Amino acid sequence: MKTKRNSIVATIVSSAAVLAATTALPFAAHAQGNNQWDGFYAGLNAGGMWSTPSASIVENNTGGGFNGTSSGFVGGAQAGYNYLLGPVLLGGEIDFQGSTMTGGVTGGAGPSFINATQSMPWFATFRARVGYPVGSVMPYVTGGAVWGQQRLSGFDSQFGSFDNSRNFWTYTFGGGVEGKLNERWSAKLEYLWIGTPDTSLSTPASTSVDERSIGNLVRVGFNYRF
């Protein structure tokens, strides 16, 4: 199931990237009117996300851990503001994403065996963007903070069922390219690397947790400038 899910997400992400490249850039090359990028904008996005959650744990003074893979679809909306400072674009962007990213994690500590599902139902990012417009096309780098929710539910052979969900903060950075379709509309292709959440998830019997969960996000989006 994991291999099949990852294959589906990889196919969707690849198709989205090809669609963005083949749609945005030809239109961008022929965009008419004002090439200015500054001002307010808002739009929608969709893509895929995958991660490798893992954790070192201690149960009853016995060390152990769990790990696995997660993947799923994401979609949401973004809004931001661009300001052109000479040839360089400076801006800020916020977005909110719904996510189907889920995956199984297994492991244990001593006699305990853990079989669980980890998911991220939603998250939001708050990022700065720095770009360099070249006519109707703008490559950019971006980075900032992530606020979201994780959930871990499953079964511990020594302590029974559990269901744990928590909100978290972490960081993100990445880059992308955005192309003008016309004076008002643009399309973008973006990659973000999402860091380890500051709040860990654990089984009820865990006395300490050292979690590592790296998320990779690829998405396409469309923006409208006001």
C-alpha atoms as a PDB file:
ATOM      1  CA  MET A   1       0.000   0.000   0.000  1.00  0.00           C
ATOM      2  CA  LYS A   2       2.803   2.443   0.872  1.00  0.00           C
ATOM      3  CA  THR A   3       4.549   1.787  -2.457  1.00  0.00           C
ATOM      4  CA  LYS A   4       1.299   2.214  -4.366  1.00  0.00           C
ATOM      5  CA  ARG A   5       0.426   5.444  -2.512  1.00  0.00           C
ATOM      6  CA  ASN A   6       3.884   6.893  -3.070  1.00  0.00           C
ATOM      7  CA  SER A   7       3.690   5.962  -6.748  1.00  0.00           C
ATOM      8  CA  ILE A   8       0.319   7.720  -7.129  1.00  0.00           C
ATOM      9  CA  VAL A   9       1.595  10.884  -5.421  1.00  0.00           C
ATOM     10  CA  ALA A  10       4.794  10.867  -7.493  1.00  0.00           C
ATOM     11  CA  THR A  11       2.723  10.557 -10.680  1.00  0.00           C
ATOM     12  CA  ILE A  12       0.408  13.430  -9.675  1.00  0.00           C
ATOM     13  CA  VAL A  13       3.316  15.682  -8.679  1.00  0.00           C
ATOM     14  CA  SER A  14       5.166  14.950 -11.923  1.00  0.00           C
ATOM     15  CA  SER A  15       2.044  15.610 -13.984  1.00  0.00           C
ATOM     16  CA  ALA A  16       1.410  18.864 -12.099  1.00  0.00           C
ATOM     17  CA  ALA A  17       4.966  20.016 -12.714  1.00  0.00           C
ATOM     18  CA  VAL A  18       4.708  19.261 -16.440  1.00  0.00           C
ATOM     19  CA  LEU A  19       1.332  21.021 -16.613  1.00  0.00           C
ATOM     20  CA  ALA A  20       2.697  24.108 -14.881  1.00  0.00           C
ATOM     21  CA  ALA A  21       5.751  24.258 -17.106  1.00  0.00           C
ATOM     22  CA  THR A  22       3.841  23.723 -20.352  1.00  0.00           C
ATOM     23  CA  THR A  23       1.012  26.090 -19.415  1.00  0.00           C
ATOM     24  CA  ALA A  24       2.663  28.994 -17.624  1.00  0.00           C
ATOM     25  CA  LEU A  25       5.832  29.573 -19.594  1.00  0.00           C
ATOM     26  CA  PRO A  26       4.406  29.814 -23.146  1.00  0.00           C
ATOM     27  CA  PHE A  27       1.725  32.228 -21.956  1.00  0.00           C
ATOM     28  CA  ALA A  28       4.272  34.115 -19.900  1.00  0.00           C
ATOM     29  CA  ALA A  29       6.517  34.575 -22.894  1.00  0.00           C
ATOM     30  CA  HIS A  30       3.648  36.323 -24.706  1.00  0.00           C
ATOM     31  CA  ALA A  31       2.165  38.212 -21.753  1.00  0.00           C
ATOM     32  CA  GLN A  32       0.976  41.655 -22.731  1.00  0.00           C
ATOM     33  CA  GLY A  33       0.647  44.893 -20.827  1.00  0.00           C
ATOM     34  CA  ASN A  34       2.239  45.798 -17.555  1.00  0.00           C
ATOM     35  CA  ASN A  35       5.110  43.527 -16.432  1.00  0.00           C
ATOM     36  CA  GLN A  36       5.149  44.969 -12.925  1.00  0.00           C
ATOM     37  CA  TRP A  37       4.895  42.357 -10.180  1.00  0.00           C
ATOM     38  CA  ASP A  38       4.229  44.626  -7.203  1.00  0.00           C
ATOM     39  CA  GLY A  39       0.983  44.779  -5.237  1.00  0.00           C
ATOM     40  CA  PHE A  40      -1.469  42.446  -3.522  1.00  0.00           C
ATOM     41  CA  TYR A  41      -2.356  39.030  -4.933  1.00  0.00           C
ATOM     42  CA  ALA A  42      -4.301  35.891  -3.958  1.00  0.00           C
ATOM     43  CA  GLY A  43      -4.850  32.475  -5.463  1.00  0.00           C
ATOM     44  CA  LEU A  44      -5.232  28.706  -5.169  1.00  0.00           C
ATOM     45  CA  ASN A  45      -2.766  25.817  -5.200  1.00  0.00           C
ATOM     46  CA  ALA A  46      -2.578  22.005  -5.223  1.00  0.00           C
ATOM     47  CA  GLY A  47       0.152  19.389  -5.116  1.00  0.00           C
ATOM     48  CA  GLY A  48       1.682  16.465  -3.281  1.00  0.00           C
ATOM     49  CA  MET A  49       3.621  15.942  -0.055  1.00  0.00           C
ATOM     50  CA  TRP A  50       5.759  13.130   1.350  1.00  0.00           C
ATOM     51  CA  SER A  51       7.788  12.582   4.532  1.00  0.00           C
ATOM     52  CA  THR A  52       9.804  10.030   6.550  1.00  0.00           C
ATOM     53  CA  PRO A  53       8.550  10.236  10.154  1.00  0.00           C
ATOM     54  CA  SER A  54      10.689   8.593  12.846  1.00  0.00           C
ATOM     55  CA  ALA A  55      11.267   8.879  16.583  1.00  0.00           C
ATOM     56  CA  SER A  56      13.556   7.576  19.304  1.00  0.00           C
ATOM     57  CA  ILE A  57      11.534   6.681  22.391  1.00  0.00           C
ATOM     58  CA  VAL A  58      11.986   5.370  25.927  1.00  0.00           C
ATOM     59  CA  GLU A  59       9.350   3.180  27.580  1.00  0.00           C
ATOM     60  CA  ASN A  60       9.939   1.945  31.139  1.00  0.00           C
ATOM     61  CA  ASN A  61      13.649   2.810  30.895  1.00  0.00           C
ATOM     62  CA  THR A  62      14.034   0.787  27.680  1.00  0.00           C
ATOM     63  CA  GLY A  63      15.128   2.506  24.485  1.00  0.00           C
ATOM     64  CA  GLY A  64      13.559   1.991  21.086  1.00  0.00           C
ATOM     65  CA  GLY A  65      11.858   3.864  18.284  1.00  0.00           C
ATOM     66  CA  PHE A  66       9.503   3.839  15.340  1.00  0.00           C
ATOM     67  CA  ASN A  67       9.673   4.953  11.693  1.00  0.00           C
ATOM     68  CA  GLY A  68       7.766   4.834   8.424  1.00  0.00           C
ATOM     69  CA  THR A  69       6.774   6.806   5.336  1.00  0.00           C
ATOM     70  CA  SER A  70       3.877   9.185   4.681  1.00  0.00           C
ATOM     71  CA  SER A  71       2.442  10.767   1.546  1.00  0.00           C
ATOM     72  CA  GLY A  72      -0.689  12.465   0.295  1.00  0.00           C
ATOM     73  CA  PHE A  73      -2.288  15.345  -1.547  1.00  0.00           C
ATOM     74  CA  VAL A  74      -2.436  18.986  -0.444  1.00  0.00           C
ATOM     75  CA  GLY A  75      -4.553  21.893  -1.590  1.00  0.00           C
ATOM     76  CA  GLY A  76      -5.356  25.366  -0.374  1.00  0.00           C
ATOM     77  CA  ALA A  77      -5.205  29.096  -0.886  1.00  0.00           C
ATOM     78  CA  GLN A  78      -2.502  31.759  -0.620  1.00  0.00           C
ATOM     79  CA  ALA A  79      -2.315  35.543  -0.429  1.00  0.00           C
ATOM     80  CA  GLY A  80       0.573  37.964  -0.364  1.00  0.00           C
ATOM     81  CA  TYR A  81       2.136  41.269  -1.296  1.00  0.00           C
ATOM     82  CA  ASN A  82       5.053  42.027  -3.638  1.00  0.00           C
ATOM     83  CA  TYR A  83       7.254  45.102  -3.632  1.00  0.00           C
ATOM     84  CA  LEU A  84       9.783  45.811  -6.369  1.00  0.00           C
ATOM     85  CA  LEU A  85      13.001  47.314  -5.032  1.00  0.00           C
ATOM     86  CA  GLY A  86      14.938  48.075  -8.176  1.00  0.00           C
ATOM     87  CA  PRO A  87      15.378  44.792 -10.071  1.00  0.00           C
ATOM     88  CA  VAL A  88      14.641  42.655  -6.973  1.00  0.00           C
ATOM     89  CA  LEU A  89      11.223  41.622  -5.718  1.00  0.00           C
ATOM     90  CA  LEU A  90      10.619  41.497  -1.956  1.00  0.00           C
ATOM     91  CA  GLY A  91       7.392  40.051  -0.608  1.00  0.00           C
ATOM     92  CA  GLY A  92       5.491  38.113   2.002  1.00  0.00           C
ATOM     93  CA  GLU A  93       3.035  35.266   1.563  1.00  0.00           C
ATOM     94  CA  ILE A  94       0.715  33.243   3.800  1.00  0.00           C
ATOM     95  CA  ASP A  95      -1.169  30.100   2.842  1.00  0.00           C
ATOM     96  CA  PHE A  96      -3.477  27.527   4.413  1.00  0.00           C
ATOM     97  CA  GLN A  97      -3.402  23.899   3.277  1.00  0.00           C
ATOM     98  CA  GLY A  98      -5.668  20.916   3.761  1.00  0.00           C
ATOM     99  CA  SER A  99      -3.771  17.624   3.544  1.00  0.00           C
ATOM    100  CA  THR A 100      -4.487  13.919   3.115  1.00  0.00           C
ATOM    101  CA  MET A 101      -0.900  12.985   4.034  1.00  0.00           C
ATOM    102  CA  THR A 102      -0.951   9.770   6.082  1.00  0.00           C
ATOM    103  CA  GLY A 103       1.377   6.828   6.598  1.00  0.00           C
ATOM    104  CA  GLY A 104       2.095   3.851   8.787  1.00  0.00           C
ATOM    105  CA  VAL A 105       4.851   3.785  11.413  1.00  0.00           C
ATOM    106  CA  THR A 106       6.094   0.682  13.225  1.00  0.00           C
ATOM    107  CA  GLY A 107       8.661  -0.059  15.903  1.00  0.00           C
ATOM    108  CA  GLY A 108       8.893  -0.592  19.625  1.00  0.00           C
ATOM    109  CA  ALA A 109      10.883  -0.439  22.841  1.00  0.00           C
ATOM    110  CA  GLY A 110      11.861  -3.577  24.743  1.00  0.00           C
ATOM    111  CA  PRO A 111       8.866  -5.955  24.773  1.00  0.00           C
ATOM    112  CA  SER A 112       6.529  -3.320  23.325  1.00  0.00           C
ATOM    113  CA  PHE A 113       5.554  -3.381  19.656  1.00  0.00           C
ATOM    114  CA  ILE A 114       4.055  -0.211  18.148  1.00  0.00           C
ATOM    115  CA  ASN A 115       1.860  -0.145  15.051  1.00  0.00           C
ATOM    116  CA  ALA A 116       0.429   3.296  14.297  1.00  0.00           C
ATOM    117  CA  THR A 117      -0.733   5.786  11.679  1.00  0.00           C
ATOM    118  CA  GLN A 118       0.650   9.317  11.492  1.00  0.00           C
ATOM    119  CA  SER A 119      -1.165  12.096   9.624  1.00  0.00           C
ATOM    120  CA  MET A 120      -1.058  15.860   9.053  1.00  0.00           C
ATOM    121  CA  PRO A 121      -4.624  17.069   8.368  1.00  0.00           C
ATOM    122  CA  TRP A 122      -3.744  20.758   7.902  1.00  0.00           C
ATOM    123  CA  PHE A 123      -0.942  23.315   8.078  1.00  0.00           C
ATOM    124  CA  ALA A 124      -0.234  26.950   7.232  1.00  0.00           C
ATOM    125  CA  THR A 125       2.965  28.730   6.189  1.00  0.00           C
ATOM    126  CA  PHE A 126       4.120  32.311   6.770  1.00  0.00           C
ATOM    127  CA  ARG A 127       6.972  33.104   4.387  1.00  0.00           C
ATOM    128  CA  ALA A 128       9.125  35.834   2.890  1.00  0.00           C
ATOM    129  CA  ARG A 129       9.871  35.717  -0.845  1.00  0.00           C
ATOM    130  CA  VAL A 130      12.814  37.186  -2.732  1.00  0.00           C
ATOM    131  CA  GLY A 131      12.644  37.067  -6.512  1.00  0.00           C
ATOM    132  CA  TYR A 132      14.366  38.400  -9.602  1.00  0.00           C
ATOM    133  CA  PRO A 133      11.841  39.109 -12.383  1.00  0.00           C
ATOM    134  CA  VAL A 134      13.103  38.652 -15.929  1.00  0.00           C
ATOM    135  CA  GLY A 135      10.311  40.083 -18.010  1.00  0.00           C
ATOM    136  CA  SER A 136       7.273  37.887 -17.474  1.00  0.00           C
ATOM    137  CA  VAL A 137       9.095  35.106 -15.590  1.00  0.00           C
ATOM    138  CA  MET A 138      10.314  35.310 -11.994  1.00  0.00           C
ATOM    139  CA  PRO A 139      12.474  32.722 -10.206  1.00  0.00           C
ATOM    140  CA  TYR A 140      12.413  33.145  -6.416  1.00  0.00           C
ATOM    141  CA  VAL A 141      13.528  31.732  -3.078  1.00  0.00           C
ATOM    142  CA  THR A 142      11.275  31.604  -0.032  1.00  0.00           C
ATOM    143  CA  GLY A 143      11.378  30.706   3.649  1.00  0.00           C
ATOM    144  CA  GLY A 144       9.627  31.181   6.970  1.00  0.00           C
ATOM    145  CA  ALA A 145       7.478  29.415   9.582  1.00  0.00           C
ATOM    146  CA  VAL A 146       4.949  26.569   9.507  1.00  0.00           C
ATOM    147  CA  TRP A 147       2.044  26.056  11.913  1.00  0.00           C
ATOM    148  CA  GLY A 148       0.054  22.840  11.671  1.00  0.00           C
ATOM    149  CA  GLN A 149      -1.377  19.754  13.299  1.00  0.00           C
ATOM    150  CA  GLN A 150      -0.087  16.185  13.512  1.00  0.00           C
ATOM    151  CA  ARG A 151      -1.902  13.067  14.712  1.00  0.00           C
ATOM    152  CA  LEU A 152      -0.534   9.674  15.821  1.00  0.00           C
ATOM    153  CA  SER A 153      -2.977   6.835  16.548  1.00  0.00           C
ATOM    154  CA  GLY A 154      -2.456   3.116  16.863  1.00  0.00           C
ATOM    155  CA  PHE A 155      -1.672   0.246  19.211  1.00  0.00           C
ATOM    156  CA  ASP A 156       1.109  -0.464  21.705  1.00  0.00           C
ATOM    157  CA  SER A 157       1.300  -4.176  22.575  1.00  0.00           C
ATOM    158  CA  GLN A 158       2.136  -3.406  26.216  1.00  0.00           C
ATOM    159  CA  PHE A 159      -0.136  -0.415  26.853  1.00  0.00           C
ATOM    160  CA  GLY A 160      -3.041  -0.700  24.417  1.00  0.00           C
ATOM    161  CA  SER A 161      -4.600   1.758  21.978  1.00  0.00           C
ATOM    162  CA  PHE A 162      -3.696   5.441  21.825  1.00  0.00           C
ATOM    163  CA  ASP A 163      -4.655   8.550  19.857  1.00  0.00           C
ATOM    164  CA  ASN A 164      -2.510  11.657  20.191  1.00  0.00           C
ATOM    165  CA  SER A 165      -2.828  14.945  18.241  1.00  0.00           C
ATOM    166  CA  ARG A 166      -0.937  18.188  18.741  1.00  0.00           C
ATOM    167  CA  ASN A 167      -0.329  21.496  17.006  1.00  0.00           C
ATOM    168  CA  PHE A 168       3.249  22.382  16.153  1.00  0.00           C
ATOM    169  CA  TRP A 169       5.579  25.077  14.828  1.00  0.00           C
ATOM    170  CA  THR A 170       8.524  24.489  12.519  1.00  0.00           C
ATOM    171  CA  TYR A 171      10.369  26.151   9.645  1.00  0.00           C
ATOM    172  CA  THR A 172      10.368  25.869   5.863  1.00  0.00           C
ATOM    173  CA  PHE A 173      12.453  27.008   2.926  1.00  0.00           C
ATOM    174  CA  GLY A 174      12.503  26.396  -0.806  1.00  0.00           C
ATOM    175  CA  GLY A 175      12.038  28.079  -4.147  1.00  0.00           C
ATOM    176  CA  GLY A 176      10.068  28.228  -7.334  1.00  0.00           C
ATOM    177  CA  VAL A 177       9.311  30.018 -10.559  1.00  0.00           C
ATOM    178  CA  GLU A 178       6.279  32.148 -11.385  1.00  0.00           C
ATOM    179  CA  GLY A 179       5.204  33.225 -14.863  1.00  0.00           C
ATOM    180  CA  LYS A 180       2.745  35.897 -16.002  1.00  0.00           C
ATOM    181  CA  LEU A 181      -0.196  34.609 -18.034  1.00  0.00           C
ATOM    182  CA  ASN A 182      -1.489  38.126 -18.626  1.00  0.00           C
ATOM    183  CA  GLU A 183      -1.618  41.440 -16.759  1.00  0.00           C
ATOM    184  CA  ARG A 184      -3.605  39.985 -13.838  1.00  0.00           C
ATOM    185  CA  TRP A 185      -2.989  36.239 -13.750  1.00  0.00           C
ATOM    186  CA  SER A 186       0.170  34.197 -13.118  1.00  0.00           C
ATOM    187  CA  ALA A 187       1.048  30.529 -12.532  1.00  0.00           C
ATOM    188  CA  LYS A 188       3.763  29.096 -10.315  1.00  0.00           C
ATOM    189  CA  LEU A 189       5.623  25.865  -9.585  1.00  0.00           C
ATOM    190  CA  GLU A 190       7.073  25.620  -6.055  1.00  0.00           C
ATOM    191  CA  TYR A 191       9.047  23.265  -3.810  1.00  0.00           C
ATOM    192  CA  LEU A 192       9.205  23.576   0.006  1.00  0.00           C
ATOM    193  CA  TRP A 193      11.283  21.603   2.520  1.00  0.00           C
ATOM    194  CA  ILE A 194       9.526  21.430   5.910  1.00  0.00           C
ATOM    195  CA  GLY A 195      11.526  20.873   9.092  1.00  0.00           C
ATOM    196  CA  THR A 196      10.994  18.831  12.254  1.00  0.00           C
ATOM    197  CA  PRO A 197       7.959  19.877  14.360  1.00  0.00           C
ATOM    198  CA  ASP A 198       8.806  21.435  17.725  1.00  0.00           C
ATOM    199  CA  THR A 199       6.083  19.397  19.508  1.00  0.00           C
ATOM    200  CA  SER A 200       6.503  15.623  19.459  1.00  0.00           C
ATOM    201  CA  LEU A 201       3.899  12.902  19.192  1.00  0.00           C
ATOM    202  CA  SER A 202       4.243   9.756  21.291  1.00  0.00           C
ATOM    203  CA  THR A 203       2.563   6.712  22.751  1.00  0.00           C
ATOM    204  CA  PRO A 204       1.046   7.162  26.253  1.00  0.00           C
ATOM    205  CA  ALA A 205       3.836   5.164  27.935  1.00  0.00           C
ATOM    206  CA  SER A 206       6.718   7.083  26.352  1.00  0.00           C
ATOM    207  CA  THR A 207       8.831   8.957  28.869  1.00  0.00           C
ATOM    208  CA  SER A 208      10.905  10.730  26.210  1.00  0.00           C
ATOM    209  CA  VAL A 209      10.625  11.303  22.478  1.00  0.00           C
ATOM    210  CA  ASP A 210      13.147  12.593  19.938  1.00  0.00           C
ATOM    211  CA  GLU A 211      11.192  12.938  16.710  1.00  0.00           C
ATOM    212  CA  ARG A 212      12.393  13.559  13.161  1.00  0.00           C
ATOM    213  CA  SER A 213       9.820  14.170  10.451  1.00  0.00           C
ATOM    214  CA  ILE A 214      10.926  15.873   7.243  1.00  0.00           C
ATOM    215  CA  GLY A 215       8.247  16.946   4.781  1.00  0.00           C
ATOM    216  CA  ASN A 216       8.708  17.616   1.067  1.00  0.00           C
ATOM    217  CA  LEU A 217       6.034  19.657  -0.704  1.00  0.00           C
ATOM    218  CA  VAL A 218       5.664  20.240  -4.455  1.00  0.00           C
ATOM    219  CA  ARG A 219       2.716  22.290  -5.687  1.00  0.00           C
ATOM    220  CA  VAL A 220       1.415  24.362  -8.565  1.00  0.00           C
ATOM    221  CA  GLY A 221      -0.646  27.497  -8.085  1.00  0.00           C
ATOM    222  CA  PHE A 222      -2.416  30.376  -9.777  1.00  0.00           C
ATOM    223  CA  ASN A 223      -2.446  33.974  -8.532  1.00  0.00           C
ATOM    224  CA  TYR A 224      -4.625  36.975  -9.346  1.00  0.00           C
ATOM    225  CA  ARG A 225      -3.184  40.479  -8.867  1.00  0.00           C
ATOM    226  CA  PHE A 226      -5.472  43.251  -7.612  1.00  0.00           C
END
